[in-house]
Amino acid sequence: MNAIWYGMVRVKASHILVKTESEAKQIMQKVSAGDDFAKLAQMFSQCPSGKAGGDLGYFGKGQMVKPFEDVCFKAKPGDVVGPVKTQFGWHIIKVTDVKN
């Protein structure tokens, strides 16, 4: 096991990144209506991770920008949260797993 991660909480999340709050709200409505998150990420996300359904893999505290990280570490697996604003744009975030 990588010593850096030993004993640290890690979150696995996916996200959809767009430029405006109105775009993010429209996508959040689609997610809430049951549309497939990964397909929405592939269609709308402006982040390179969109090609992989928005998957960002696992990350620990201090690896993401603070507003993004704060939301991820408060959410539970399966939660979809947003819109969250960062310097990169507006995010819809799906937490898929948490490891201690």
PDB file of N, CA and C in Angstrom:
ATOM      1  N   MET A   1       0.844  -1.187   0.000  1.00  0.00           N
ATOM      2  CA  MET A   1       0.000   0.000   0.000  1.00  0.00           C
ATOM      3  C   MET A   1       0.886   1.246   0.000  1.00  0.00           C
ATOM      4  N   ASN A   2       0.499   2.225  -0.765  1.00  0.00           N
ATOM      5  CA  ASN A   2       1.236   3.488  -0.833  1.00  0.00           C
ATOM      6  C   ASN A   2       1.182   4.179   0.524  1.00  0.00           C
ATOM      7  N   ALA A   3       2.330   4.467   1.111  1.00  0.00           N
ATOM      8  CA  ALA A   3       2.403   5.048   2.451  1.00  0.00           C
ATOM      9  C   ALA A   3       1.697   6.395   2.554  1.00  0.00           C
ATOM     10  N   ILE A   4       1.670   7.138   1.471  1.00  0.00           N
ATOM     11  CA  ILE A   4       1.005   8.447   1.494  1.00  0.00           C
ATOM     12  C   ILE A   4      -0.472   8.302   1.834  1.00  0.00           C
ATOM     13  N   TRP A   5      -1.107   7.258   1.340  1.00  0.00           N
ATOM     14  CA  TRP A   5      -2.553   7.102   1.521  1.00  0.00           C
ATOM     15  C   TRP A   5      -2.924   6.343   2.784  1.00  0.00           C
ATOM     16  N   TYR A   6      -1.967   5.759   3.465  1.00  0.00           N
ATOM     17  CA  TYR A   6      -2.275   4.937   4.622  1.00  0.00           C
ATOM     18  C   TYR A   6      -2.999   5.765   5.682  1.00  0.00           C
ATOM     19  N   GLY A   7      -4.181   5.332   6.045  1.00  0.00           N
ATOM     20  CA  GLY A   7      -4.952   5.989   7.096  1.00  0.00           C
ATOM     21  C   GLY A   7      -5.659   7.269   6.677  1.00  0.00           C
ATOM     22  N   MET A   8      -5.567   7.637   5.409  1.00  0.00           N
ATOM     23  CA  MET A   8      -6.236   8.856   4.948  1.00  0.00           C
ATOM     24  C   MET A   8      -7.549   8.514   4.275  1.00  0.00           C
ATOM     25  N   VAL A   9      -8.546   9.383   4.482  1.00  0.00           N
ATOM     26  CA  VAL A   9      -9.816   9.215   3.787  1.00  0.00           C
ATOM     27  C   VAL A   9      -9.625   9.639   2.332  1.00  0.00           C
ATOM     28  N   ARG A  10     -10.158   8.826   1.434  1.00  0.00           N
ATOM     29  CA  ARG A  10     -10.128   9.143   0.013  1.00  0.00           C
ATOM     30  C   ARG A  10     -11.546   9.062  -0.533  1.00  0.00           C
ATOM     31  N   VAL A  11     -11.844   9.919  -1.455  1.00  0.00           N
ATOM     32  CA  VAL A  11     -13.153   9.958  -2.082  1.00  0.00           C
ATOM     33  C   VAL A  11     -12.977   9.649  -3.562  1.00  0.00           C
ATOM     34  N   LYS A  12     -13.924   8.910  -4.113  1.00  0.00           N
ATOM     35  CA  LYS A  12     -13.972   8.706  -5.566  1.00  0.00           C
ATOM     36  C   LYS A  12     -15.189   9.467  -6.075  1.00  0.00           C
ATOM     37  N   ALA A  13     -14.962  10.315  -7.056  1.00  0.00           N
ATOM     38  CA  ALA A  13     -16.055  11.135  -7.564  1.00  0.00           C
ATOM     39  C   ALA A  13     -15.954  11.300  -9.068  1.00  0.00           C
ATOM     40  N   SER A  14     -17.090  11.654  -9.636  1.00  0.00           N
ATOM     41  CA  SER A  14     -17.188  12.046 -11.039  1.00  0.00           C
ATOM     42  C   SER A  14     -17.789  13.441 -11.060  1.00  0.00           C
ATOM     43  N   HIS A  15     -17.535  14.170 -12.135  1.00  0.00           N
ATOM     44  CA  HIS A  15     -18.138  15.497 -12.209  1.00  0.00           C
ATOM     45  C   HIS A  15     -18.433  15.883 -13.647  1.00  0.00           C
ATOM     46  N   ILE A  16     -19.289  16.884 -13.747  1.00  0.00           N
ATOM     47  CA  ILE A  16     -19.603  17.517 -15.022  1.00  0.00           C
ATOM     48  C   ILE A  16     -19.243  18.983 -14.827  1.00  0.00           C
ATOM     49  N   LEU A  17     -18.369  19.500 -15.672  1.00  0.00           N
ATOM     50  CA  LEU A  17     -17.903  20.879 -15.573  1.00  0.00           C
ATOM     51  C   LEU A  17     -18.449  21.691 -16.742  1.00  0.00           C
ATOM     52  N   VAL A  18     -19.124  22.803 -16.397  1.00  0.00           N
ATOM     53  CA  VAL A  18     -19.643  23.714 -17.418  1.00  0.00           C
ATOM     54  C   VAL A  18     -19.290  25.150 -17.043  1.00  0.00           C
ATOM     55  N   LYS A  19     -19.492  26.065 -17.983  1.00  0.00           N
ATOM     56  CA  LYS A  19     -19.074  27.459 -17.782  1.00  0.00           C
ATOM     57  C   LYS A  19     -20.049  28.288 -16.942  1.00  0.00           C
ATOM     58  N   THR A  20     -21.359  28.012 -17.059  1.00  0.00           N
ATOM     59  CA  THR A  20     -22.338  28.883 -16.404  1.00  0.00           C
ATOM     60  C   THR A  20     -23.199  28.140 -15.387  1.00  0.00           C
ATOM     61  N   GLU A  21     -23.694  28.908 -14.430  1.00  0.00           N
ATOM     62  CA  GLU A  21     -24.583  28.338 -13.414  1.00  0.00           C
ATOM     63  C   GLU A  21     -25.871  27.828 -14.051  1.00  0.00           C
ATOM     64  N   SER A  22     -26.378  28.540 -15.055  1.00  0.00           N
ATOM     65  CA  SER A  22     -27.630  28.097 -15.683  1.00  0.00           C
ATOM     66  C   SER A  22     -27.448  26.750 -16.383  1.00  0.00           C
ATOM     67  N   GLU A  23     -26.317  26.540 -17.038  1.00  0.00           N
ATOM     68  CA  GLU A  23     -26.033  25.227 -17.645  1.00  0.00           C
ATOM     69  C   GLU A  23     -25.994  24.149 -16.566  1.00  0.00           C
ATOM     70  N   ALA A  24     -25.314  24.456 -15.462  1.00  0.00           N
ATOM     71  CA  ALA A  24     -25.186  23.484 -14.369  1.00  0.00           C
ATOM     72  C   ALA A  24     -26.553  23.131 -13.791  1.00  0.00           C
ATOM     73  N   LYS A  25     -27.405  24.128 -13.627  1.00  0.00           N
ATOM     74  CA  LYS A  25     -28.753  23.869 -13.084  1.00  0.00           C
ATOM     75  C   LYS A  25     -29.579  23.005 -14.038  1.00  0.00           C
ATOM     76  N   GLN A  26     -29.449  23.258 -15.339  1.00  0.00           N
ATOM     77  CA  GLN A  26     -30.176  22.443 -16.319  1.00  0.00           C
ATOM     78  C   GLN A  26     -29.706  20.986 -16.278  1.00  0.00           C
ATOM     79  N   ILE A  27     -28.417  20.786 -16.155  1.00  0.00           N
ATOM     80  CA  ILE A  27     -27.875  19.427 -16.093  1.00  0.00           C
ATOM     81  C   ILE A  27     -28.287  18.758 -14.782  1.00  0.00           C
ATOM     82  N   MET A  28     -28.271  19.502 -13.689  1.00  0.00           N
ATOM     83  CA  MET A  28     -28.694  18.949 -12.393  1.00  0.00           C
ATOM     84  C   MET A  28     -30.150  18.485 -12.464  1.00  0.00           C
ATOM     85  N   GLN A  29     -30.998  19.225 -13.182  1.00  0.00           N
ATOM     86  CA  GLN A  29     -32.391  18.808 -13.357  1.00  0.00           C
ATOM     87  C   GLN A  29     -32.467  17.485 -14.110  1.00  0.00           C
ATOM     88  N   LYS A  30     -31.618  17.328 -15.116  1.00  0.00           N
ATOM     89  CA  LYS A  30     -31.593  16.075 -15.878  1.00  0.00           C
ATOM     90  C   LYS A  30     -31.153  14.905 -14.992  1.00  0.00           C
ATOM     91  N   VAL A  31     -30.137  15.148 -14.163  1.00  0.00           N
ATOM     92  CA  VAL A  31     -29.665  14.105 -13.237  1.00  0.00           C
ATOM     93  C   VAL A  31     -30.783  13.750 -12.256  1.00  0.00           C
ATOM     94  N   SER A  32     -31.434  14.771 -11.714  1.00  0.00           N
ATOM     95  CA  SER A  32     -32.523  14.551 -10.752  1.00  0.00           C
ATOM     96  C   SER A  32     -33.689  13.797 -11.377  1.00  0.00           C
ATOM     97  N   ALA A  33     -33.880  13.982 -12.693  1.00  0.00           N
ATOM     98  CA  ALA A  33     -34.956  13.286 -13.406  1.00  0.00           C
ATOM     99  C   ALA A  33     -34.583  11.853 -13.762  1.00  0.00           C
ATOM    100  N   GLY A  34     -33.337  11.451 -13.450  1.00  0.00           N
ATOM    101  CA  GLY A  34     -32.927  10.071 -13.673  1.00  0.00           C
ATOM    102  C   GLY A  34     -32.035   9.842 -14.879  1.00  0.00           C
ATOM    103  N   ASP A  35     -31.637  10.916 -15.568  1.00  0.00           N
ATOM    104  CA  ASP A  35     -30.726  10.733 -16.703  1.00  0.00           C
ATOM    105  C   ASP A  35     -29.385  10.178 -16.211  1.00  0.00           C
ATOM    106  N   ASP A  36     -28.716   9.431 -17.064  1.00  0.00           N
ATOM    107  CA  ASP A  36     -27.453   8.784 -16.720  1.00  0.00           C
ATOM    108  C   ASP A  36     -26.335   9.831 -16.565  1.00  0.00           C
ATOM    109  N   PHE A  37     -25.727   9.862 -15.386  1.00  0.00           N
ATOM    110  CA  PHE A  37     -24.700  10.857 -15.075  1.00  0.00           C
ATOM    111  C   PHE A  37     -23.521  10.766 -16.043  1.00  0.00           C
ATOM    112  N   ALA A  38     -23.030   9.568 -16.276  1.00  0.00           N
ATOM    113  CA  ALA A  38     -21.856   9.388 -17.138  1.00  0.00           C
ATOM    114  C   ALA A  38     -22.137   9.857 -18.562  1.00  0.00           C
ATOM    115  N   LYS A  39     -23.336   9.561 -19.063  1.00  0.00           N
ATOM    116  CA  LYS A  39     -23.680  10.004 -20.418  1.00  0.00           C
ATOM    117  C   LYS A  39     -23.783  11.525 -20.484  1.00  0.00           C
ATOM    118  N   LEU A  40     -24.350  12.135 -19.435  1.00  0.00           N
ATOM    119  CA  LEU A  40     -24.430  13.599 -19.391  1.00  0.00           C
ATOM    120  C   LEU A  40     -23.027  14.209 -19.358  1.00  0.00           C
ATOM    121  N   ALA A  41     -22.130  13.579 -18.607  1.00  0.00           N
ATOM    122  CA  ALA A  41     -20.748  14.070 -18.543  1.00  0.00           C
ATOM    123  C   ALA A  41     -20.103  14.000 -19.928  1.00  0.00           C
ATOM    124  N   GLN A  42     -20.320  12.904 -20.629  1.00  0.00           N
ATOM    125  CA  GLN A  42     -19.747  12.755 -21.967  1.00  0.00           C
ATOM    126  C   GLN A  42     -20.296  13.807 -22.929  1.00  0.00           C
ATOM    127  N   MET A  43     -21.572  14.149 -22.762  1.00  0.00           N
ATOM    128  CA  MET A  43     -22.210  15.103 -23.671  1.00  0.00           C
ATOM    129  C   MET A  43     -21.877  16.561 -23.343  1.00  0.00           C
ATOM    130  N   PHE A  44     -21.798  16.896 -22.044  1.00  0.00           N
ATOM    131  CA  PHE A  44     -21.751  18.306 -21.666  1.00  0.00           C
ATOM    132  C   PHE A  44     -20.482  18.777 -20.974  1.00  0.00           C
ATOM    133  N   SER A  45     -19.745  17.887 -20.337  1.00  0.00           N
ATOM    134  CA  SER A  45     -18.607  18.338 -19.532  1.00  0.00           C
ATOM    135  C   SER A  45     -17.504  18.940 -20.388  1.00  0.00           C
ATOM    136  N   GLN A  46     -16.960  20.053 -19.911  1.00  0.00           N
ATOM    137  CA  GLN A  46     -15.859  20.719 -20.597  1.00  0.00           C
ATOM    138  C   GLN A  46     -14.510  20.338 -19.989  1.00  0.00           C
ATOM    139  N   CYS A  47     -14.518  19.339 -19.131  1.00  0.00           N
ATOM    140  CA  CYS A  47     -13.294  18.806 -18.535  1.00  0.00           C
ATOM    141  C   CYS A  47     -12.878  17.570 -19.337  1.00  0.00           C
ATOM    142  N   PRO A  48     -11.591  17.332 -19.516  1.00  0.00           N
ATOM    143  CA  PRO A  48     -11.154  16.114 -20.218  1.00  0.00           C
ATOM    144  C   PRO A  48     -11.725  14.832 -19.607  1.00  0.00           C
ATOM    145  N   SER A  49     -12.041  14.845 -18.311  1.00  0.00           N
ATOM    146  CA  SER A  49     -12.608  13.659 -17.664  1.00  0.00           C
ATOM    147  C   SER A  49     -13.992  13.316 -18.202  1.00  0.00           C
ATOM    148  N   GLY A  50     -14.626  14.241 -18.890  1.00  0.00           N
ATOM    149  CA  GLY A  50     -15.949  13.986 -19.452  1.00  0.00           C
ATOM    150  C   GLY A  50     -15.964  12.789 -20.379  1.00  0.00           C
ATOM    151  N   LYS A  51     -14.873  12.565 -21.104  1.00  0.00           N
ATOM    152  CA  LYS A  51     -14.781  11.426 -22.022  1.00  0.00           C
ATOM    153  C   LYS A  51     -14.897  10.104 -21.279  1.00  0.00           C
ATOM    154  N   ALA A  52     -14.494  10.116 -19.997  1.00  0.00           N
ATOM    155  CA  ALA A  52     -14.571   8.914 -19.149  1.00  0.00           C
ATOM    156  C   ALA A  52     -15.801   8.979 -18.248  1.00  0.00           C
ATOM    157  N   GLY A  53     -16.829   9.690 -18.671  1.00  0.00           N
ATOM    158  CA  GLY A  53     -18.039   9.798 -17.866  1.00  0.00           C
ATOM    159  C   GLY A  53     -17.870  10.703 -16.658  1.00  0.00           C
ATOM    160  N   GLY A  54     -16.830  11.517 -16.675  1.00  0.00           N
ATOM    161  CA  GLY A  54     -16.582  12.450 -15.575  1.00  0.00           C
ATOM    162  C   GLY A  54     -15.754  11.880 -14.442  1.00  0.00           C
ATOM    163  N   ASP A  55     -15.334  10.623 -14.564  1.00  0.00           N
ATOM    164  CA  ASP A  55     -14.615   9.939 -13.475  1.00  0.00           C
ATOM    165  C   ASP A  55     -13.279  10.608 -13.168  1.00  0.00           C
ATOM    166  N   LEU A  56     -13.108  10.995 -11.908  1.00  0.00           N
ATOM    167  CA  LEU A  56     -11.858  11.601 -11.439  1.00  0.00           C
ATOM    168  C   LEU A  56     -11.010  10.635 -10.630  1.00  0.00           C
ATOM    169  N   GLY A  57     -11.516   9.435 -10.395  1.00  0.00           N
ATOM    170  CA  GLY A  57     -10.791   8.472  -9.573  1.00  0.00           C
ATOM    171  C   GLY A  57     -10.816   8.872  -8.109  1.00  0.00           C
ATOM    172  N   TYR A  58      -9.909   8.284  -7.323  1.00  0.00           N
ATOM    173  CA  TYR A  58      -9.803   8.566  -5.893  1.00  0.00           C
ATOM    174  C   TYR A  58      -8.869   9.739  -5.647  1.00  0.00           C
ATOM    175  N   PHE A  59      -9.198  10.536  -4.657  1.00  0.00           N
ATOM    176  CA  PHE A  59      -8.332  11.640  -4.249  1.00  0.00           C
ATOM    177  C   PHE A  59      -8.490  11.891  -2.756  1.00  0.00           C
ATOM    178  N   GLY A  60      -7.443  12.422  -2.171  1.00  0.00           N
ATOM    179  CA  GLY A  60      -7.447  12.760  -0.753  1.00  0.00           C
ATOM    180  C   GLY A  60      -7.586  14.262  -0.567  1.00  0.00           C
ATOM    181  N   LYS A  61      -7.688  14.660   0.687  1.00  0.00           N
ATOM    182  CA  LYS A  61      -7.785  16.086   0.994  1.00  0.00           C
ATOM    183  C   LYS A  61      -6.529  16.801   0.539  1.00  0.00           C
ATOM    184  N   GLY A  62      -6.726  17.985  -0.012  1.00  0.00           N
ATOM    185  CA  GLY A  62      -5.621  18.788  -0.489  1.00  0.00           C
ATOM    186  C   GLY A  62      -5.281  18.580  -1.955  1.00  0.00           C
ATOM    187  N   GLN A  63      -5.987  17.667  -2.621  1.00  0.00           N
ATOM    188  CA  GLN A  63      -5.683  17.395  -4.031  1.00  0.00           C
ATOM    189  C   GLN A  63      -6.595  18.141  -5.002  1.00  0.00           C
ATOM    190  N   MET A  64      -7.733  18.599  -4.522  1.00  0.00           N
ATOM    191  CA  MET A  64      -8.687  19.329  -5.372  1.00  0.00           C
ATOM    192  C   MET A  64      -8.847  20.741  -4.811  1.00  0.00           C
ATOM    193  N   VAL A  65      -9.422  21.626  -5.605  1.00  0.00           N
ATOM    194  CA  VAL A  65      -9.673  22.981  -5.111  1.00  0.00           C
ATOM    195  C   VAL A  65     -10.684  22.919  -3.969  1.00  0.00           C
ATOM    196  N   LYS A  66     -10.547  23.828  -3.021  1.00  0.00           N
ATOM    197  CA  LYS A  66     -11.280  23.748  -1.765  1.00  0.00           C
ATOM    198  C   LYS A  66     -12.803  23.650  -1.903  1.00  0.00           C
ATOM    199  N   PRO A  67     -13.473  24.498  -2.689  1.00  0.00           N
ATOM    200  CA  PRO A  67     -14.940  24.364  -2.757  1.00  0.00           C
ATOM    201  C   PRO A  67     -15.382  22.991  -3.256  1.00  0.00           C
ATOM    202  N   PHE A  68     -14.652  22.447  -4.222  1.00  0.00           N
ATOM    203  CA  PHE A  68     -14.951  21.120  -4.771  1.00  0.00           C
ATOM    204  C   PHE A  68     -14.720  20.062  -3.703  1.00  0.00           C
ATOM    205  N   GLU A  69     -13.568  20.127  -3.074  1.00  0.00           N
ATOM    206  CA  GLU A  69     -13.188  19.160  -2.044  1.00  0.00           C
ATOM    207  C   GLU A  69     -14.154  19.193  -0.859  1.00  0.00           C
ATOM    208  N   ASP A  70     -14.515  20.380  -0.400  1.00  0.00           N
ATOM    209  CA  ASP A  70     -15.414  20.503   0.756  1.00  0.00           C
ATOM    210  C   ASP A  70     -16.715  19.745   0.530  1.00  0.00           C
ATOM    211  N   VAL A  71     -17.284  19.889  -0.657  1.00  0.00           N
ATOM    212  CA  VAL A  71     -18.540  19.214  -0.978  1.00  0.00           C
ATOM    213  C   VAL A  71     -18.335  17.700  -1.035  1.00  0.00           C
ATOM    214  N   CYS A  72     -17.270  17.267  -1.676  1.00  0.00           N
ATOM    215  CA  CYS A  72     -17.015  15.832  -1.838  1.00  0.00           C
ATOM    216  C   CYS A  72     -16.844  15.118  -0.503  1.00  0.00           C
ATOM    217  N   PHE A  73     -16.136  15.744   0.423  1.00  0.00           N
ATOM    218  CA  PHE A  73     -15.861  15.073   1.684  1.00  0.00           C
ATOM    219  C   PHE A  73     -17.028  15.138   2.672  1.00  0.00           C
ATOM    220  N   LYS A  74     -18.072  15.887   2.333  1.00  0.00           N
ATOM    221  CA  LYS A  74     -19.293  15.907   3.157  1.00  0.00           C
ATOM    222  C   LYS A  74     -20.352  14.963   2.605  1.00  0.00           C
ATOM    223  N   ALA A  75     -20.249  14.628   1.329  1.00  0.00           N
ATOM    224  CA  ALA A  75     -21.253  13.793   0.672  1.00  0.00           C
ATOM    225  C   ALA A  75     -21.027  12.316   0.973  1.00  0.00           C
ATOM    226  N   LYS A  76     -22.079  11.540   0.733  1.00  0.00           N
ATOM    227  CA  LYS A  76     -22.020  10.087   0.896  1.00  0.00           C
ATOM    228  C   LYS A  76     -22.024   9.439  -0.484  1.00  0.00           C
ATOM    229  N   PRO A  77     -21.521   8.221  -0.583  1.00  0.00           N
ATOM    230  CA  PRO A  77     -21.558   7.537  -1.879  1.00  0.00           C
ATOM    231  C   PRO A  77     -22.980   7.512  -2.440  1.00  0.00           C
ATOM    232  N   GLY A  78     -23.085   7.868  -3.706  1.00  0.00           N
ATOM    233  CA  GLY A  78     -24.386   7.922  -4.370  1.00  0.00           C
ATOM    234  C   GLY A  78     -24.966   9.325  -4.428  1.00  0.00           C
ATOM    235  N   ASP A  79     -24.476  10.229  -3.582  1.00  0.00           N
ATOM    236  CA  ASP A  79     -24.971  11.608  -3.585  1.00  0.00           C
ATOM    237  C   ASP A  79     -24.521  12.332  -4.855  1.00  0.00           C
ATOM    238  N   VAL A  80     -25.426  13.125  -5.405  1.00  0.00           N
ATOM    239  CA  VAL A  80     -25.103  14.036  -6.496  1.00  0.00           C
ATOM    240  C   VAL A  80     -25.356  15.435  -5.964  1.00  0.00           C
ATOM    241  N   VAL A  81     -24.340  16.279  -6.004  1.00  0.00           N
ATOM    242  CA  VAL A  81     -24.433  17.614  -5.422  1.00  0.00           C
ATOM    243  C   VAL A  81     -24.016  18.672  -6.447  1.00  0.00           C
ATOM    244  N   GLY A  82     -24.543  19.847  -6.241  1.00  0.00           N
ATOM    245  CA  GLY A  82     -24.180  20.960  -7.109  1.00  0.00           C
ATOM    246  C   GLY A  82     -25.375  21.834  -7.398  1.00  0.00           C
ATOM    247  N   PRO A  83     -25.153  22.859  -8.148  1.00  0.00           N
ATOM    248  CA  PRO A  83     -23.899  23.292  -8.725  1.00  0.00           C
ATOM    249  C   PRO A  83     -22.919  23.845  -7.688  1.00  0.00           C
ATOM    250  N   VAL A  84     -21.653  23.577  -7.915  1.00  0.00           N
ATOM    251  CA  VAL A  84     -20.566  24.064  -7.056  1.00  0.00           C
ATOM    252  C   VAL A  84     -19.647  24.920  -7.929  1.00  0.00           C
ATOM    253  N   LYS A  85     -19.395  26.150  -7.476  1.00  0.00           N
ATOM    254  CA  LYS A  85     -18.556  27.064  -8.259  1.00  0.00           C
ATOM    255  C   LYS A  85     -17.105  26.995  -7.802  1.00  0.00           C
ATOM    256  N   THR A  86     -16.206  26.897  -8.770  1.00  0.00           N
ATOM    257  CA  THR A  86     -14.762  27.009  -8.518  1.00  0.00           C
ATOM    258  C   THR A  86     -14.186  27.936  -9.583  1.00  0.00           C
ATOM    259  N   GLN A  87     -12.897  28.156  -9.525  1.00  0.00           N
ATOM    260  CA  GLN A  87     -12.274  29.001 -10.538  1.00  0.00           C
ATOM    261  C   GLN A  87     -12.306  28.372 -11.929  1.00  0.00           C
ATOM    262  N   PHE A  88     -12.645  27.082 -12.010  1.00  0.00           N
ATOM    263  CA  PHE A  88     -12.693  26.393 -13.297  1.00  0.00           C
ATOM    264  C   PHE A  88     -14.069  26.476 -13.960  1.00  0.00           C
ATOM    265  N   GLY A  89     -15.093  26.778 -13.169  1.00  0.00           N
ATOM    266  CA  GLY A  89     -16.461  26.841 -13.680  1.00  0.00           C
ATOM    267  C   GLY A  89     -17.426  26.280 -12.656  1.00  0.00           C
ATOM    268  N   TRP A  90     -18.502  25.700 -13.157  1.00  0.00           N
ATOM    269  CA  TRP A  90     -19.571  25.145 -12.317  1.00  0.00           C
ATOM    270  C   TRP A  90     -19.574  23.627 -12.447  1.00  0.00           C
ATOM    271  N   HIS A  91     -19.635  22.944 -11.306  1.00  0.00           N
ATOM    272  CA  HIS A  91     -19.547  21.482 -11.261  1.00  0.00           C
ATOM    273  C   HIS A  91     -20.843  20.866 -10.738  1.00  0.00           C
ATOM    274  N   ILE A  92     -21.221  19.758 -11.335  1.00  0.00           N
ATOM    275  CA  ILE A  92     -22.183  18.820 -10.760  1.00  0.00           C
ATOM    276  C   ILE A  92     -21.318  17.625 -10.374  1.00  0.00           C
ATOM    277  N   ILE A  93     -21.412  17.213  -9.123  1.00  0.00           N
ATOM    278  CA  ILE A  93     -20.492  16.185  -8.594  1.00  0.00           C
ATOM    279  C   ILE A  93     -21.269  14.972  -8.111  1.00  0.00           C
ATOM    280  N   LYS A  94     -20.795  13.798  -8.498  1.00  0.00           N
ATOM    281  CA  LYS A  94     -21.359  12.541  -7.999  1.00  0.00           C
ATOM    282  C   LYS A  94     -20.269  11.811  -7.236  1.00  0.00           C
ATOM    283  N   VAL A  95     -20.496  11.611  -5.941  1.00  0.00           N
ATOM    284  CA  VAL A  95     -19.569  10.839  -5.114  1.00  0.00           C
ATOM    285  C   VAL A  95     -19.934   9.368  -5.273  1.00  0.00           C
ATOM    286  N   THR A  96     -18.957   8.558  -5.669  1.00  0.00           N
ATOM    287  CA  THR A  96     -19.233   7.149  -5.931  1.00  0.00           C
ATOM    288  C   THR A  96     -18.679   6.204  -4.876  1.00  0.00           C
ATOM    289  N   ASP A  97     -17.680   6.649  -4.104  1.00  0.00           N
ATOM    290  CA  ASP A  97     -17.107   5.783  -3.077  1.00  0.00           C
ATOM    291  C   ASP A  97     -16.295   6.618  -2.093  1.00  0.00           C
ATOM    292  N   VAL A  98     -16.183   6.099  -0.883  1.00  0.00           N
ATOM    293  CA  VAL A  98     -15.324   6.703   0.151  1.00  0.00           C
ATOM    294  C   VAL A  98     -14.526   5.566   0.775  1.00  0.00           C
ATOM    295  N   LYS A  99     -13.222   5.748   0.890  1.00  0.00           N
ATOM    296  CA  LYS A  99     -12.352   4.749   1.526  1.00  0.00           C
ATOM    297  C   LYS A  99     -11.601   5.401   2.686  1.00  0.00           C
ATOM    298  N   ASN A 100     -11.548   4.670   3.783  1.00  0.00           N
ATOM    299  CA  ASN A 100     -10.802   5.145   4.956  1.00  0.00           C
ATOM    300  C   ASN A 100      -9.420   4.534   4.981  1.00  0.00           C
TER     301      ASN A 100
END
